[in-house]
């Protein structure tokens, strides 16, 4: 199978994406119908994902039997 994409983490090394992360989170929350303040998002950045309730959102959105990677893979075409 040919390579279709390469993902890598450059945050903090080649780029400072803190503001972009905040804007991305705000857009994603809005799209899903959640009202979240910029301050709340900024305060949450850097904490482990389960602390944010991501597991509950995944189960609600994708189903309890699907792995996080299956959910991400299903969401990428919408991004």
C-alpha atoms as a PDB file:
ATOM      1  CA  UNK A   1       0.000   0.000   0.000  1.00  0.00           C
ATOM      2  CA  UNK A   2       1.493   3.388  -0.928  1.00  0.00           C
ATOM      3  CA  UNK A   3       2.184   5.913   1.802  1.00  0.00           C
ATOM      4  CA  UNK A   4      -0.669   8.446   1.942  1.00  0.00           C
ATOM      5  CA  UNK A   5       0.392  10.641   4.845  1.00  0.00           C
ATOM      6  CA  UNK A   6       3.119  11.270   7.356  1.00  0.00           C
ATOM      7  CA  UNK A   7       2.321  12.665  10.786  1.00  0.00           C
ATOM      8  CA  UNK A   8       4.931  14.019  13.143  1.00  0.00           C
ATOM      9  CA  UNK A   9       5.061  16.184  16.238  1.00  0.00           C
ATOM     10  CA  UNK A  10       6.868  19.467  15.697  1.00  0.00           C
ATOM     11  CA  UNK A  11       5.217  21.431  18.485  1.00  0.00           C
ATOM     12  CA  UNK A  12       7.701  23.141  20.725  1.00  0.00           C
ATOM     13  CA  UNK A  13      10.623  22.254  18.501  1.00  0.00           C
ATOM     14  CA  UNK A  14      10.018  23.829  15.097  1.00  0.00           C
ATOM     15  CA  UNK A  15       6.823  25.748  15.830  1.00  0.00           C
ATOM     16  CA  UNK A  16       4.982  27.233  18.774  1.00  0.00           C
ATOM     17  CA  UNK A  17       1.440  26.099  18.098  1.00  0.00           C
ATOM     18  CA  UNK A  18      -0.119  26.944  21.476  1.00  0.00           C
ATOM     19  CA  UNK A  19      -2.546  29.497  20.007  1.00  0.00           C
ATOM     20  CA  UNK A  20      -3.399  27.216  17.086  1.00  0.00           C
ATOM     21  CA  UNK A  21      -4.198  24.401  19.513  1.00  0.00           C
ATOM     22  CA  UNK A  22      -6.568  26.688  21.414  1.00  0.00           C
ATOM     23  CA  UNK A  23      -8.316  27.819  18.228  1.00  0.00           C
ATOM     24  CA  UNK A  24      -8.578  24.215  16.997  1.00  0.00           C
ATOM     25  CA  UNK A  25     -10.087  23.004  20.267  1.00  0.00           C
ATOM     26  CA  UNK A  26     -12.589  25.881  20.319  1.00  0.00           C
ATOM     27  CA  UNK A  27     -13.676  25.088  16.747  1.00  0.00           C
ATOM     28  CA  UNK A  28     -14.020  21.372  17.503  1.00  0.00           C
ATOM     29  CA  UNK A  29     -16.040  21.993  20.671  1.00  0.00           C
ATOM     30  CA  UNK A  30     -18.310  24.434  18.827  1.00  0.00           C
ATOM     31  CA  UNK A  31     -18.875  21.948  16.003  1.00  0.00           C
ATOM     32  CA  UNK A  32     -19.927  19.320  18.550  1.00  0.00           C
ATOM     33  CA  UNK A  33     -22.283  21.739  20.312  1.00  0.00           C
ATOM     34  CA  UNK A  34     -20.185  22.466  23.419  1.00  0.00           C
ATOM     35  CA  UNK A  35     -19.683  25.981  24.756  1.00  0.00           C
ATOM     36  CA  UNK A  36     -16.165  26.305  26.174  1.00  0.00           C
ATOM     37  CA  UNK A  37     -14.180  29.424  27.036  1.00  0.00           C
ATOM     38  CA  UNK A  38     -10.733  30.187  25.660  1.00  0.00           C
ATOM     39  CA  UNK A  39      -9.444  30.266  29.242  1.00  0.00           C
ATOM     40  CA  UNK A  40     -10.769  26.763  29.969  1.00  0.00           C
ATOM     41  CA  UNK A  41      -9.108  25.369  26.854  1.00  0.00           C
ATOM     42  CA  UNK A  42      -5.805  27.115  27.606  1.00  0.00           C
ATOM     43  CA  UNK A  43      -5.825  25.769  31.175  1.00  0.00           C
ATOM     44  CA  UNK A  44      -6.461  22.208  29.965  1.00  0.00           C
ATOM     45  CA  UNK A  45      -3.639  22.010  27.430  1.00  0.00           C
ATOM     46  CA  UNK A  46      -0.896  19.602  28.446  1.00  0.00           C
ATOM     47  CA  UNK A  47      -2.935  17.327  30.712  1.00  0.00           C
ATOM     48  CA  UNK A  48      -3.430  13.604  29.960  1.00  0.00           C
ATOM     49  CA  UNK A  49      -6.297  12.973  27.527  1.00  0.00           C
ATOM     50  CA  UNK A  50      -8.448  10.824  29.888  1.00  0.00           C
ATOM     51  CA  UNK A  51      -8.573  13.778  32.267  1.00  0.00           C
ATOM     52  CA  UNK A  52     -10.494  15.751  29.638  1.00  0.00           C
ATOM     53  CA  UNK A  53     -13.259  13.198  29.350  1.00  0.00           C
ATOM     54  CA  UNK A  54     -12.133  12.093  25.906  1.00  0.00           C
ATOM     55  CA  UNK A  55     -13.009   8.476  26.648  1.00  0.00           C
ATOM     56  CA  UNK A  56     -16.623   9.401  27.383  1.00  0.00           C
ATOM     57  CA  UNK A  57     -16.849  11.534  24.251  1.00  0.00           C
ATOM     58  CA  UNK A  58     -15.386   8.709  22.180  1.00  0.00           C
ATOM     59  CA  UNK A  59     -17.917   6.210  23.518  1.00  0.00           C
ATOM     60  CA  UNK A  60     -20.770   8.632  22.848  1.00  0.00           C
ATOM     61  CA  UNK A  61     -19.561   9.542  19.363  1.00  0.00           C
ATOM     62  CA  UNK A  62     -18.023   6.286  18.102  1.00  0.00           C
ATOM     63  CA  UNK A  63     -19.355   3.499  20.291  1.00  0.00           C
ATOM     64  CA  UNK A  64     -17.796   1.728  23.241  1.00  0.00           C
ATOM     65  CA  UNK A  65     -16.461  -1.126  21.125  1.00  0.00           C
ATOM     66  CA  UNK A  66     -14.275   1.073  18.885  1.00  0.00           C
ATOM     67  CA  UNK A  67     -10.685   1.966  19.663  1.00  0.00           C
ATOM     68  CA  UNK A  68      -9.513   5.591  19.825  1.00  0.00           C
ATOM     69  CA  UNK A  69      -7.623   5.066  16.556  1.00  0.00           C
ATOM     70  CA  UNK A  70     -10.786   3.900  14.787  1.00  0.00           C
ATOM     71  CA  UNK A  71     -12.546   7.062  15.921  1.00  0.00           C
ATOM     72  CA  UNK A  72      -9.676   9.287  14.821  1.00  0.00           C
ATOM     73  CA  UNK A  73      -9.495   7.534  11.474  1.00  0.00           C
ATOM     74  CA  UNK A  74     -13.221   8.090  10.978  1.00  0.00           C
ATOM     75  CA  UNK A  75     -12.917  11.783  11.867  1.00  0.00           C
ATOM     76  CA  UNK A  76      -9.948  12.657   9.655  1.00  0.00           C
ATOM     77  CA  UNK A  77     -11.899  12.997   6.389  1.00  0.00           C
ATOM     78  CA  UNK A  78     -14.085  15.626   8.087  1.00  0.00           C
ATOM     79  CA  UNK A  79     -11.104  17.662   9.248  1.00  0.00           C
END
